[in-house]
Amino acid sequence: MGAYINENQTKKINSQQKQTERTNRIQSLSSDYHEPITPNEAEILNTSIETAAGNVKSNKWQPIDVLRAYSKKAIKAHEKTNCLTEVMIKEAEGWVGEINMDGKSVLSFPFLTSLQ
């Protein structure tokens, strides 16, 4: 019985630490991610993935703008439902800078992988 209690306590502590880490990662994001969704971001969110990929490739939209739109939506959903398990938005900002707009790597942007 004692091992079971310790295991549950350990799980609870780990869960609390993970929640704190997520909260800190979200709070440490730039103010852009804490502002309301803009009309341009709403347009991005209401566009199909195929069209979004085309708009990024044609330079109509910048990859960082697409990332921010989807990230803001995810953060707002998390505030209501505690649905995020990992928050890697800062890391994704670095990946956005590595996108080759002239080549196929634009399709490897995390939410565009279904187009490959």
PDB file of N, CA and C in Angstrom:
ATOM      1  N   MET A   1       0.828  -1.198   0.000  1.00  0.00           N
ATOM      2  CA  MET A   1       0.000   0.000   0.000  1.00  0.00           C
ATOM      3  C   MET A   1       0.868   1.256   0.000  1.00  0.00           C
ATOM      4  N   GLY A   2       1.970   1.230   0.780  1.00  0.00           N
ATOM      5  CA  GLY A   2       2.849   2.390   0.863  1.00  0.00           C
ATOM      6  C   GLY A   2       3.460   2.758  -0.472  1.00  0.00           C
ATOM      7  N   ALA A   3       3.848   1.750  -1.277  1.00  0.00           N
ATOM      8  CA  ALA A   3       4.429   2.002  -2.599  1.00  0.00           C
ATOM      9  C   ALA A   3       3.402   2.657  -3.511  1.00  0.00           C
ATOM     10  N   TYR A   4       2.150   2.242  -3.393  1.00  0.00           N
ATOM     11  CA  TYR A   4       1.084   2.809  -4.211  1.00  0.00           C
ATOM     12  C   TYR A   4       0.888   4.290  -3.904  1.00  0.00           C
ATOM     13  N   ILE A   5       0.904   4.638  -2.621  1.00  0.00           N
ATOM     14  CA  ILE A   5       0.753   6.040  -2.222  1.00  0.00           C
ATOM     15  C   ILE A   5       1.923   6.856  -2.741  1.00  0.00           C
ATOM     16  N   ASN A   6       3.126   6.348  -2.603  1.00  0.00           N
ATOM     17  CA  ASN A   6       4.299   7.067  -3.091  1.00  0.00           C
ATOM     18  C   ASN A   6       4.251   7.250  -4.604  1.00  0.00           C
ATOM     19  N   GLU A   7       3.793   6.227  -5.319  1.00  0.00           N
ATOM     20  CA  GLU A   7       3.678   6.319  -6.778  1.00  0.00           C
ATOM     21  C   GLU A   7       2.669   7.387  -7.159  1.00  0.00           C
ATOM     22  N   ASN A   8       1.531   7.419  -6.489  1.00  0.00           N
ATOM     23  CA  ASN A   8       0.519   8.442  -6.768  1.00  0.00           C
ATOM     24  C   ASN A   8       1.019   9.830  -6.411  1.00  0.00           C
ATOM     25  N   GLN A   9       1.718   9.961  -5.306  1.00  0.00           N
ATOM     26  CA  GLN A   9       2.280  11.256  -4.921  1.00  0.00           C
ATOM     27  C   GLN A   9       3.296  11.723  -5.959  1.00  0.00           C
ATOM     28  N   THR A  10       4.121  10.806  -6.436  1.00  0.00           N
ATOM     29  CA  THR A  10       5.121  11.138  -7.452  1.00  0.00           C
ATOM     30  C   THR A  10       4.439  11.600  -8.736  1.00  0.00           C
ATOM     31  N   LYS A  11       3.386  10.896  -9.158  1.00  0.00           N
ATOM     32  CA  LYS A  11       2.645  11.287 -10.357  1.00  0.00           C
ATOM     33  C   LYS A  11       2.025  12.667 -10.186  1.00  0.00           C
ATOM     34  N   LYS A  12       1.487  12.924  -9.017  1.00  0.00           N
ATOM     35  CA  LYS A  12       0.857  14.224  -8.762  1.00  0.00           C
ATOM     36  C   LYS A  12       1.902  15.333  -8.789  1.00  0.00           C
ATOM     37  N   ILE A  13       3.049  15.107  -8.190  1.00  0.00           N
ATOM     38  CA  ILE A  13       4.131  16.099  -8.189  1.00  0.00           C
ATOM     39  C   ILE A  13       4.613  16.343  -9.614  1.00  0.00           C
ATOM     40  N   ASN A  14       4.807  15.261 -10.378  1.00  0.00           N
ATOM     41  CA  ASN A  14       5.245  15.399 -11.765  1.00  0.00           C
ATOM     42  C   ASN A  14       4.222  16.172 -12.590  1.00  0.00           C
ATOM     43  N   SER A  15       2.954  15.896 -12.363  1.00  0.00           N
ATOM     44  CA  SER A  15       1.891  16.591 -13.069  1.00  0.00           C
ATOM     45  C   SER A  15       1.888  18.078 -12.732  1.00  0.00           C
ATOM     46  N   GLN A  16       2.043  18.402 -11.470  1.00  0.00           N
ATOM     47  CA  GLN A  16       2.086  19.801 -11.045  1.00  0.00           C
ATOM     48  C   GLN A  16       3.293  20.516 -11.645  1.00  0.00           C
ATOM     49  N   GLN A  17       4.442  19.836 -11.682  1.00  0.00           N
ATOM     50  CA  GLN A  17       5.637  20.433 -12.267  1.00  0.00           C
ATOM     51  C   GLN A  17       5.433  20.696 -13.757  1.00  0.00           C
ATOM     52  N   LYS A  18       4.802  19.760 -14.459  1.00  0.00           N
ATOM     53  CA  LYS A  18       4.537  19.916 -15.886  1.00  0.00           C
ATOM     54  C   LYS A  18       3.570  21.075 -16.125  1.00  0.00           C
ATOM     55  N   GLN A  19       2.546  21.194 -15.300  1.00  0.00           N
ATOM     56  CA  GLN A  19       1.604  22.305 -15.437  1.00  0.00           C
ATOM     57  C   GLN A  19       2.306  23.642 -15.217  1.00  0.00           C
ATOM     58  N   THR A  20       3.182  23.695 -14.235  1.00  0.00           N
ATOM     59  CA  THR A  20       3.944  24.921 -13.971  1.00  0.00           C
ATOM     60  C   THR A  20       4.841  25.254 -15.152  1.00  0.00           C
ATOM     61  N   GLU A  21       5.484  24.241 -15.712  1.00  0.00           N
ATOM     62  CA  GLU A  21       6.354  24.458 -16.876  1.00  0.00           C
ATOM     63  C   GLU A  21       5.551  25.011 -18.050  1.00  0.00           C
ATOM     64  N   ARG A  22       4.377  24.422 -18.330  1.00  0.00           N
ATOM     65  CA  ARG A  22       3.530  24.918 -19.422  1.00  0.00           C
ATOM     66  C   ARG A  22       3.120  26.365 -19.174  1.00  0.00           C
ATOM     67  N   THR A  23       2.684  26.649 -17.958  1.00  0.00           N
ATOM     68  CA  THR A  23       2.268  28.013 -17.616  1.00  0.00           C
ATOM     69  C   THR A  23       3.415  28.991 -17.823  1.00  0.00           C
ATOM     70  N   ASN A  24       4.601  28.636 -17.366  1.00  0.00           N
ATOM     71  CA  ASN A  24       5.761  29.512 -17.522  1.00  0.00           C
ATOM     72  C   ASN A  24       6.115  29.721 -18.988  1.00  0.00           C
ATOM     73  N   ARG A  25       6.051  28.655 -19.778  1.00  0.00           N
ATOM     74  CA  ARG A  25       6.364  28.781 -21.209  1.00  0.00           C
ATOM     75  C   ARG A  25       5.357  29.708 -21.896  1.00  0.00           C
ATOM     76  N   ILE A  26       4.105  29.584 -21.565  1.00  0.00           N
ATOM     77  CA  ILE A  26       3.092  30.445 -22.180  1.00  0.00           C
ATOM     78  C   ILE A  26       3.269  31.886 -21.717  1.00  0.00           C
ATOM     79  N   GLN A  27       3.489  32.085 -20.440  1.00  0.00           N
ATOM     80  CA  GLN A  27       3.644  33.443 -19.912  1.00  0.00           C
ATOM     81  C   GLN A  27       4.895  34.128 -20.452  1.00  0.00           C
ATOM     82  N   SER A  28       5.916  33.357 -20.808  1.00  0.00           N
ATOM     83  CA  SER A  28       7.166  33.951 -21.279  1.00  0.00           C
ATOM     84  C   SER A  28       7.134  34.326 -22.763  1.00  0.00           C
ATOM     85  N   LEU A  29       6.045  33.988 -23.451  1.00  0.00           N
ATOM     86  CA  LEU A  29       5.933  34.346 -24.861  1.00  0.00           C
ATOM     87  C   LEU A  29       5.780  35.852 -25.010  1.00  0.00           C
ATOM     88  N   SER A  30       6.162  36.354 -26.172  1.00  0.00           N
ATOM     89  CA  SER A  30       6.020  37.787 -26.424  1.00  0.00           C
ATOM     90  C   SER A  30       4.553  38.198 -26.342  1.00  0.00           C
ATOM     91  N   SER A  31       4.335  39.476 -26.173  1.00  0.00           N
ATOM     92  CA  SER A  31       2.968  39.996 -26.008  1.00  0.00           C
ATOM     93  C   SER A  31       2.090  39.685 -27.214  1.00  0.00           C
ATOM     94  N   ASP A  32       2.699  39.468 -28.387  1.00  0.00           N
ATOM     95  CA  ASP A  32       1.910  39.135 -29.583  1.00  0.00           C
ATOM     96  C   ASP A  32       0.989  37.945 -29.343  1.00  0.00           C
ATOM     97  N   TYR A  33       1.449  36.983 -28.558  1.00  0.00           N
ATOM     98  CA  TYR A  33       0.684  35.764 -28.323  1.00  0.00           C
ATOM     99  C   TYR A  33      -0.417  35.938 -27.275  1.00  0.00           C
ATOM    100  N   HIS A  34      -0.410  37.049 -26.588  1.00  0.00           N
ATOM    101  CA  HIS A  34      -1.392  37.278 -25.527  1.00  0.00           C
ATOM    102  C   HIS A  34      -2.451  38.303 -25.933  1.00  0.00           C
ATOM    103  N   GLU A  35      -2.329  38.807 -27.138  1.00  0.00           N
ATOM    104  CA  GLU A  35      -3.307  39.753 -27.668  1.00  0.00           C
ATOM    105  C   GLU A  35      -4.473  38.982 -28.292  1.00  0.00           C
ATOM    106  N   PRO A  36      -5.614  39.636 -28.462  1.00  0.00           N
ATOM    107  CA  PRO A  36      -6.732  38.971 -29.149  1.00  0.00           C
ATOM    108  C   PRO A  36      -6.352  38.606 -30.589  1.00  0.00           C
ATOM    109  N   ILE A  37      -7.030  37.625 -31.131  1.00  0.00           N
ATOM    110  CA  ILE A  37      -6.811  37.229 -32.520  1.00  0.00           C
ATOM    111  C   ILE A  37      -7.238  38.376 -33.427  1.00  0.00           C
ATOM    112  N   THR A  38      -6.342  38.760 -34.337  1.00  0.00           N
ATOM    113  CA  THR A  38      -6.597  39.873 -35.251  1.00  0.00           C
ATOM    114  C   THR A  38      -7.433  39.394 -36.439  1.00  0.00           C
ATOM    115  N   PRO A  39      -8.003  40.325 -37.198  1.00  0.00           N
ATOM    116  CA  PRO A  39      -8.735  39.920 -38.413  1.00  0.00           C
ATOM    117  C   PRO A  39      -7.857  39.118 -39.382  1.00  0.00           C
ATOM    118  N   ASN A  40      -6.588  39.505 -39.545  1.00  0.00           N
ATOM    119  CA  ASN A  40      -5.679  38.761 -40.429  1.00  0.00           C
ATOM    120  C   ASN A  40      -5.461  37.339 -39.904  1.00  0.00           C
ATOM    121  N   GLU A  41      -5.299  37.193 -38.596  1.00  0.00           N
ATOM    122  CA  GLU A  41      -5.128  35.869 -38.000  1.00  0.00           C
ATOM    123  C   GLU A  41      -6.398  35.037 -38.138  1.00  0.00           C
ATOM    124  N   ALA A  42      -7.553  35.671 -38.012  1.00  0.00           N
ATOM    125  CA  ALA A  42      -8.819  34.956 -38.197  1.00  0.00           C
ATOM    126  C   ALA A  42      -8.923  34.436 -39.625  1.00  0.00           C
ATOM    127  N   GLU A  43      -8.474  35.244 -40.580  1.00  0.00           N
ATOM    128  CA  GLU A  43      -8.468  34.795 -41.981  1.00  0.00           C
ATOM    129  C   GLU A  43      -7.573  33.568 -42.143  1.00  0.00           C
ATOM    130  N   ILE A  44      -6.392  33.615 -41.531  1.00  0.00           N
ATOM    131  CA  ILE A  44      -5.464  32.479 -41.597  1.00  0.00           C
ATOM    132  C   ILE A  44      -6.129  31.237 -41.002  1.00  0.00           C
ATOM    133  N   LEU A  45      -6.744  31.379 -39.850  1.00  0.00           N
ATOM    134  CA  LEU A  45      -7.362  30.248 -39.163  1.00  0.00           C
ATOM    135  C   LEU A  45      -8.550  29.674 -39.920  1.00  0.00           C
ATOM    136  N   ASN A  46      -9.193  30.491 -40.736  1.00  0.00           N
ATOM    137  CA  ASN A  46     -10.366  30.040 -41.489  1.00  0.00           C
ATOM    138  C   ASN A  46     -10.029  29.601 -42.905  1.00  0.00           C
ATOM    139  N   THR A  47      -8.745  29.458 -43.187  1.00  0.00           N
ATOM    140  CA  THR A  47      -8.273  29.068 -44.513  1.00  0.00           C
ATOM    141  C   THR A  47      -7.837  27.612 -44.486  1.00  0.00           C
ATOM    142  N   SER A  48      -8.066  26.919 -45.571  1.00  0.00           N
ATOM    143  CA  SER A  48      -7.635  25.513 -45.648  1.00  0.00           C
ATOM    144  C   SER A  48      -6.108  25.443 -45.607  1.00  0.00           C
ATOM    145  N   ILE A  49      -5.600  24.295 -45.207  1.00  0.00           N
ATOM    146  CA  ILE A  49      -4.154  24.088 -45.144  1.00  0.00           C
ATOM    147  C   ILE A  49      -3.531  24.249 -46.526  1.00  0.00           C
ATOM    148  N   GLU A  50      -4.191  23.746 -47.550  1.00  0.00           N
ATOM    149  CA  GLU A  50      -3.666  23.862 -48.915  1.00  0.00           C
ATOM    150  C   GLU A  50      -3.509  25.322 -49.314  1.00  0.00           C
ATOM    151  N   THR A  51      -4.525  26.121 -49.020  1.00  0.00           N
ATOM    152  CA  THR A  51      -4.475  27.548 -49.354  1.00  0.00           C
ATOM    153  C   THR A  51      -3.426  28.242 -48.501  1.00  0.00           C
ATOM    154  N   ALA A  52      -3.341  27.888 -47.227  1.00  0.00           N
ATOM    155  CA  ALA A  52      -2.327  28.486 -46.351  1.00  0.00           C
ATOM    156  C   ALA A  52      -0.925  28.205 -46.888  1.00  0.00           C
ATOM    157  N   ALA A  53      -0.678  26.972 -47.297  1.00  0.00           N
ATOM    158  CA  ALA A  53       0.638  26.630 -47.859  1.00  0.00           C
ATOM    159  C   ALA A  53       0.922  27.461 -49.102  1.00  0.00           C
ATOM    160  N   GLY A  54      -0.074  27.600 -49.949  1.00  0.00           N
ATOM    161  CA  GLY A  54       0.099  28.411 -51.155  1.00  0.00           C
ATOM    162  C   GLY A  54       0.352  29.870 -50.822  1.00  0.00           C
ATOM    163  N   ASN A  55      -0.357  30.392 -49.823  1.00  0.00           N
ATOM    164  CA  ASN A  55      -0.169  31.793 -49.437  1.00  0.00           C
ATOM    165  C   ASN A  55       1.214  32.036 -48.829  1.00  0.00           C
ATOM    166  N   VAL A  56       1.734  31.047 -48.121  1.00  0.00           N
ATOM    167  CA  VAL A  56       3.094  31.169 -47.581  1.00  0.00           C
ATOM    168  C   VAL A  56       4.103  31.101 -48.717  1.00  0.00           C
ATOM    169  N   LYS A  57       3.931  30.155 -49.631  1.00  0.00           N
ATOM    170  CA  LYS A  57       4.872  30.003 -50.752  1.00  0.00           C
ATOM    171  C   LYS A  57       4.872  31.229 -51.648  1.00  0.00           C
ATOM    172  N   SER A  58       3.715  31.876 -51.804  1.00  0.00           N
ATOM    173  CA  SER A  58       3.623  33.057 -52.677  1.00  0.00           C
ATOM    174  C   SER A  58       3.972  34.355 -51.943  1.00  0.00           C
ATOM    175  N   ASN A  59       4.342  34.227 -50.687  1.00  0.00           N
ATOM    176  CA  ASN A  59       4.690  35.386 -49.846  1.00  0.00           C
ATOM    177  C   ASN A  59       3.512  36.284 -49.512  1.00  0.00           C
ATOM    178  N   LYS A  60       2.296  35.808 -49.727  1.00  0.00           N
ATOM    179  CA  LYS A  60       1.129  36.585 -49.278  1.00  0.00           C
ATOM    180  C   LYS A  60       1.132  36.634 -47.759  1.00  0.00           C
ATOM    181  N   TRP A  61       1.486  35.497 -47.134  1.00  0.00           N
ATOM    182  CA  TRP A  61       1.578  35.418 -45.688  1.00  0.00           C
ATOM    183  C   TRP A  61       2.983  35.029 -45.301  1.00  0.00           C
ATOM    184  N   GLN A  62       3.422  35.546 -44.176  1.00  0.00           N
ATOM    185  CA  GLN A  62       4.709  35.146 -43.628  1.00  0.00           C
ATOM    186  C   GLN A  62       4.498  33.950 -42.696  1.00  0.00           C
ATOM    187  N   PRO A  63       5.417  33.006 -42.702  1.00  0.00           N
ATOM    188  CA  PRO A  63       5.265  31.841 -41.835  1.00  0.00           C
ATOM    189  C   PRO A  63       5.058  32.201 -40.355  1.00  0.00           C
ATOM    190  N   ILE A  64       5.732  33.245 -39.882  1.00  0.00           N
ATOM    191  CA  ILE A  64       5.591  33.629 -38.469  1.00  0.00           C
ATOM    192  C   ILE A  64       4.156  34.057 -38.172  1.00  0.00           C
ATOM    193  N   ASP A  65       3.486  34.677 -39.149  1.00  0.00           N
ATOM    194  CA  ASP A  65       2.095  35.097 -38.938  1.00  0.00           C
ATOM    195  C   ASP A  65       1.170  33.888 -38.815  1.00  0.00           C
ATOM    196  N   VAL A  66       1.440  32.856 -39.609  1.00  0.00           N
ATOM    197  CA  VAL A  66       0.641  31.626 -39.534  1.00  0.00           C
ATOM    198  C   VAL A  66       0.893  30.939 -38.193  1.00  0.00           C
ATOM    199  N   LEU A  67       2.164  30.875 -37.801  1.00  0.00           N
ATOM    200  CA  LEU A  67       2.505  30.279 -36.515  1.00  0.00           C
ATOM    201  C   LEU A  67       1.803  31.013 -35.376  1.00  0.00           C
ATOM    202  N   ARG A  68       1.836  32.322 -35.385  1.00  0.00           N
ATOM    203  CA  ARG A  68       1.201  33.100 -34.315  1.00  0.00           C
ATOM    204  C   ARG A  68      -0.303  32.871 -34.279  1.00  0.00           C
ATOM    205  N   ALA A  69      -0.931  32.830 -35.436  1.00  0.00           N
ATOM    206  CA  ALA A  69      -2.382  32.631 -35.474  1.00  0.00           C
ATOM    207  C   ALA A  69      -2.749  31.296 -34.839  1.00  0.00           C
ATOM    208  N   TYR A  70      -2.079  30.229 -35.263  1.00  0.00           N
ATOM    209  CA  TYR A  70      -2.402  28.911 -34.715  1.00  0.00           C
ATOM    210  C   TYR A  70      -1.990  28.796 -33.250  1.00  0.00           C
ATOM    211  N   SER A  71      -0.902  29.421 -32.880  1.00  0.00           N
ATOM    212  CA  SER A  71      -0.454  29.368 -31.487  1.00  0.00           C
ATOM    213  C   SER A  71      -1.419  30.106 -30.573  1.00  0.00           C
ATOM    214  N   LYS A  72      -1.889  31.274 -31.012  1.00  0.00           N
ATOM    215  CA  LYS A  72      -2.850  32.024 -30.203  1.00  0.00           C
ATOM    216  C   LYS A  72      -4.131  31.222 -30.016  1.00  0.00           C
ATOM    217  N   LYS A  73      -4.567  30.555 -31.073  1.00  0.00           N
ATOM    218  CA  LYS A  73      -5.773  29.723 -30.984  1.00  0.00           C
ATOM    219  C   LYS A  73      -5.551  28.577 -29.999  1.00  0.00           C
ATOM    220  N   ALA A  74      -4.372  27.955 -30.057  1.00  0.00           N
ATOM    221  CA  ALA A  74      -4.055  26.850 -29.139  1.00  0.00           C
ATOM    222  C   ALA A  74      -3.994  27.338 -27.700  1.00  0.00           C
ATOM    223  N   ILE A  75      -3.402  28.496 -27.480  1.00  0.00           N
ATOM    224  CA  ILE A  75      -3.306  29.048 -26.123  1.00  0.00           C
ATOM    225  C   ILE A  75      -4.692  29.347 -25.573  1.00  0.00           C
ATOM    226  N   LYS A  76      -5.552  29.922 -26.416  1.00  0.00           N
ATOM    227  CA  LYS A  76      -6.918  30.227 -25.961  1.00  0.00           C
ATOM    228  C   LYS A  76      -7.678  28.939 -25.632  1.00  0.00           C
ATOM    229  N   ALA A  77      -7.503  27.898 -26.428  1.00  0.00           N
ATOM    230  CA  ALA A  77      -8.145  26.615 -26.139  1.00  0.00           C
ATOM    231  C   ALA A  77      -7.596  26.035 -24.842  1.00  0.00           C
ATOM    232  N   HIS A  78      -6.296  26.168 -24.634  1.00  0.00           N
ATOM    233  CA  HIS A  78      -5.671  25.645 -23.416  1.00  0.00           C
ATOM    234  C   HIS A  78      -6.209  26.360 -22.179  1.00  0.00           C
ATOM    235  N   GLU A  79      -6.426  27.658 -22.284  1.00  0.00           N
ATOM    236  CA  GLU A  79      -6.962  28.415 -21.146  1.00  0.00           C
ATOM    237  C   GLU A  79      -8.324  27.871 -20.712  1.00  0.00           C
ATOM    238  N   LYS A  80      -9.095  27.377 -21.668  1.00  0.00           N
ATOM    239  CA  LYS A  80     -10.435  26.874 -21.361  1.00  0.00           C
ATOM    240  C   LYS A  80     -10.448  25.400 -20.981  1.00  0.00           C
ATOM    241  N   THR A  81      -9.491  24.612 -21.518  1.00  0.00           N
ATOM    242  CA  THR A  81      -9.601  23.159 -21.386  1.00  0.00           C
ATOM    243  C   THR A  81      -8.358  22.460 -20.854  1.00  0.00           C
ATOM    244  N   ASN A  82      -7.253  23.186 -20.656  1.00  0.00           N
ATOM    245  CA  ASN A  82      -6.004  22.565 -20.207  1.00  0.00           C
ATOM    246  C   ASN A  82      -5.587  21.446 -21.174  1.00  0.00           C
ATOM    247  N   CYS A  83      -5.629  21.737 -22.479  1.00  0.00           N
ATOM    248  CA  CYS A  83      -5.448  20.710 -23.501  1.00  0.00           C
ATOM    249  C   CYS A  83      -4.019  20.555 -24.010  1.00  0.00           C
ATOM    250  N   LEU A  84      -3.147  21.505 -23.753  1.00  0.00           N
ATOM    251  CA  LEU A  84      -1.778  21.400 -24.260  1.00  0.00           C
ATOM    252  C   LEU A  84      -0.935  20.531 -23.342  1.00  0.00           C
ATOM    253  N   THR A  85      -0.123  19.686 -23.958  1.00  0.00           N
ATOM    254  CA  THR A  85       0.798  18.874 -23.160  1.00  0.00           C
ATOM    255  C   THR A  85       2.215  19.407 -23.263  1.00  0.00           C
ATOM    256  N   GLU A  86       2.594  19.909 -24.414  1.00  0.00           N
ATOM    257  CA  GLU A  86       3.908  20.505 -24.621  1.00  0.00           C
ATOM    258  C   GLU A  86       3.721  21.854 -25.286  1.00  0.00           C
ATOM    259  N   VAL A  87       4.429  22.850 -24.828  1.00  0.00           N
ATOM    260  CA  VAL A  87       4.369  24.177 -25.423  1.00  0.00           C
ATOM    261  C   VAL A  87       5.749  24.465 -26.001  1.00  0.00           C
ATOM    262  N   MET A  88       5.838  24.420 -27.324  1.00  0.00           N
ATOM    263  CA  MET A  88       7.119  24.583 -28.010  1.00  0.00           C
ATOM    264  C   MET A  88       7.059  25.742 -29.011  1.00  0.00           C
ATOM    265  N   ILE A  89       6.336  26.774 -28.665  1.00  0.00           N
ATOM    266  CA  ILE A  89       6.125  27.891 -29.577  1.00  0.00           C
ATOM    267  C   ILE A  89       7.428  28.643 -29.832  1.00  0.00           C
ATOM    268  N   LYS A  90       8.215  28.894 -28.805  1.00  0.00           N
ATOM    269  CA  LYS A  90       9.499  29.588 -29.012  1.00  0.00           C
ATOM    270  C   LYS A  90      10.397  28.789 -29.941  1.00  0.00           C
ATOM    271  N   GLU A  91      10.417  27.463 -29.762  1.00  0.00           N
ATOM    272  CA  GLU A  91      11.225  26.623 -30.642  1.00  0.00           C
ATOM    273  C   GLU A  91      10.708  26.699 -32.075  1.00  0.00           C
ATOM    274  N   ALA A  92       9.382  26.708 -32.217  1.00  0.00           N
ATOM    275  CA  ALA A  92       8.777  26.791 -33.548  1.00  0.00           C
ATOM    276  C   ALA A  92       9.136  28.110 -34.236  1.00  0.00           C
ATOM    277  N   GLU A  93       9.278  29.181 -33.473  1.00  0.00           N
ATOM    278  CA  GLU A  93       9.705  30.454 -34.065  1.00  0.00           C
ATOM    279  C   GLU A  93      11.070  30.296 -34.729  1.00  0.00           C
ATOM    280  N   GLY A  94      11.954  29.529 -34.115  1.00  0.00           N
ATOM    281  CA  GLY A  94      13.261  29.266 -34.719  1.00  0.00           C
ATOM    282  C   GLY A  94      13.132  28.442 -35.987  1.00  0.00           C
ATOM    283  N   TRP A  95      12.239  27.462 -35.974  1.00  0.00           N
ATOM    284  CA  TRP A  95      12.038  26.628 -37.163  1.00  0.00           C
ATOM    285  C   TRP A  95      11.481  27.449 -38.313  1.00  0.00           C
ATOM    286  N   VAL A  96      10.628  28.418 -37.997  1.00  0.00           N
ATOM    287  CA  VAL A  96      10.038  29.267 -39.033  1.00  0.00           C
ATOM    288  C   VAL A  96      11.136  29.985 -39.814  1.00  0.00           C
ATOM    289  N   GLY A  97      12.182  30.412 -39.113  1.00  0.00           N
ATOM    290  CA  GLY A  97      13.282  31.108 -39.768  1.00  0.00           C
ATOM    291  C   GLY A  97      14.077  30.225 -40.709  1.00  0.00           C
ATOM    292  N   GLU A  98      13.920  28.917 -40.596  1.00  0.00           N
ATOM    293  CA  GLU A  98      14.667  27.984 -41.431  1.00  0.00           C
ATOM    294  C   GLU A  98      13.884  27.534 -42.661  1.00  0.00           C
ATOM    295  N   ILE A  99      12.677  28.019 -42.839  1.00  0.00           N
ATOM    296  CA  ILE A  99      11.857  27.576 -43.963  1.00  0.00           C
ATOM    297  C   ILE A  99      12.418  28.139 -45.255  1.00  0.00           C
ATOM    298  N   ASN A 100      12.596  27.261 -46.227  1.00  0.00           N
ATOM    299  CA  ASN A 100      13.045  27.635 -47.559  1.00  0.00           C
ATOM    300  C   ASN A 100      11.804  27.924 -48.395  1.00  0.00           C
ATOM    301  N   MET A 101      11.547  29.190 -48.648  1.00  0.00           N
ATOM    302  CA  MET A 101      10.319  29.574 -49.324  1.00  0.00           C
ATOM    303  C   MET A 101      10.290  29.129 -50.782  1.00  0.00           C
ATOM    304  N   ASP A 102      11.445  28.852 -51.388  1.00  0.00           N
ATOM    305  CA  ASP A 102      11.475  28.458 -52.789  1.00  0.00           C
ATOM    306  C   ASP A 102      11.456  26.945 -52.978  1.00  0.00           C
ATOM    307  N   GLY A 103      11.678  26.214 -51.908  1.00  0.00           N
ATOM    308  CA  GLY A 103      11.782  24.767 -52.036  1.00  0.00           C
ATOM    309  C   GLY A 103      10.669  24.042 -51.312  1.00  0.00           C
ATOM    310  N   LYS A 104      10.800  22.746 -51.267  1.00  0.00           N
ATOM    311  CA  LYS A 104       9.768  21.896 -50.674  1.00  0.00           C
ATOM    312  C   LYS A 104       9.716  22.029 -49.156  1.00  0.00           C
ATOM    313  N   SER A 105      10.747  22.575 -48.528  1.00  0.00           N
ATOM    314  CA  SER A 105      10.754  22.605 -47.065  1.00  0.00           C
ATOM    315  C   SER A 105       9.626  23.440 -46.483  1.00  0.00           C
ATOM    316  N   VAL A 106       9.010  24.299 -47.281  1.00  0.00           N
ATOM    317  CA  VAL A 106       7.847  25.026 -46.770  1.00  0.00           C
ATOM    318  C   VAL A 106       6.766  24.024 -46.360  1.00  0.00           C
ATOM    319  N   LEU A 107       6.734  22.877 -47.006  1.00  0.00           N
ATOM    320  CA  LEU A 107       5.726  21.871 -46.688  1.00  0.00           C
ATOM    321  C   LEU A 107       6.060  21.098 -45.432  1.00  0.00           C
ATOM    322  N   SER A 108       7.264  21.285 -44.899  1.00  0.00           N
ATOM    323  CA  SER A 108       7.603  20.589 -43.669  1.00  0.00           C
ATOM    324  C   SER A 108       7.288  21.431 -42.440  1.00  0.00           C
ATOM    325  N   PHE A 109       6.759  22.607 -42.656  1.00  0.00           N
ATOM    326  CA  PHE A 109       6.296  23.416 -41.546  1.00  0.00           C
ATOM    327  C   PHE A 109       5.277  22.568 -40.802  1.00  0.00           C
ATOM    328  N   PRO A 110       5.348  22.460 -39.480  1.00  0.00           N
ATOM    329  CA  PRO A 110       4.593  21.435 -38.741  1.00  0.00           C
ATOM    330  C   PRO A 110       3.138  21.232 -39.145  1.00  0.00           C
ATOM    331  N   PHE A 111       2.372  22.277 -39.384  1.00  0.00           N
ATOM    332  CA  PHE A 111       0.954  22.063 -39.669  1.00  0.00           C
ATOM    333  C   PHE A 111       0.695  21.819 -41.148  1.00  0.00           C
ATOM    334  N   LEU A 112       1.748  21.837 -41.983  1.00  0.00           N
ATOM    335  CA  LEU A 112       1.571  21.629 -43.411  1.00  0.00           C
ATOM    336  C   LEU A 112       2.062  20.258 -43.865  1.00  0.00           C
ATOM    337  N   THR A 113       2.417  19.396 -42.944  1.00  0.00           N
ATOM    338  CA  THR A 113       3.018  18.123 -43.298  1.00  0.00           C
ATOM    339  C   THR A 113       2.079  17.230 -44.102  1.00  0.00           C
ATOM    340  N   SER A 114       0.795  17.435 -43.993  1.00  0.00           N
ATOM    341  CA  SER A 114      -0.129  16.577 -44.726  1.00  0.00           C
ATOM    342  C   SER A 114      -0.060  16.818 -46.227  1.00  0.00           C
ATOM    343  N   LEU A 115       0.615  17.859 -46.649  1.00  0.00           N
ATOM    344  CA  LEU A 115       0.681  18.177 -48.081  1.00  0.00           C
ATOM    345  C   LEU A 115       1.854  17.501 -48.764  1.00  0.00           C
ATOM    346  N   GLN A 116       2.757  16.902 -48.036  1.00  0.00           N
ATOM    347  CA  GLN A 116       3.947  16.304 -48.657  1.00  0.00           C
ATOM    348  C   GLN A 116       3.590  15.066 -49.434  1.00  0.00           C
TER     349      GLN A 116
END
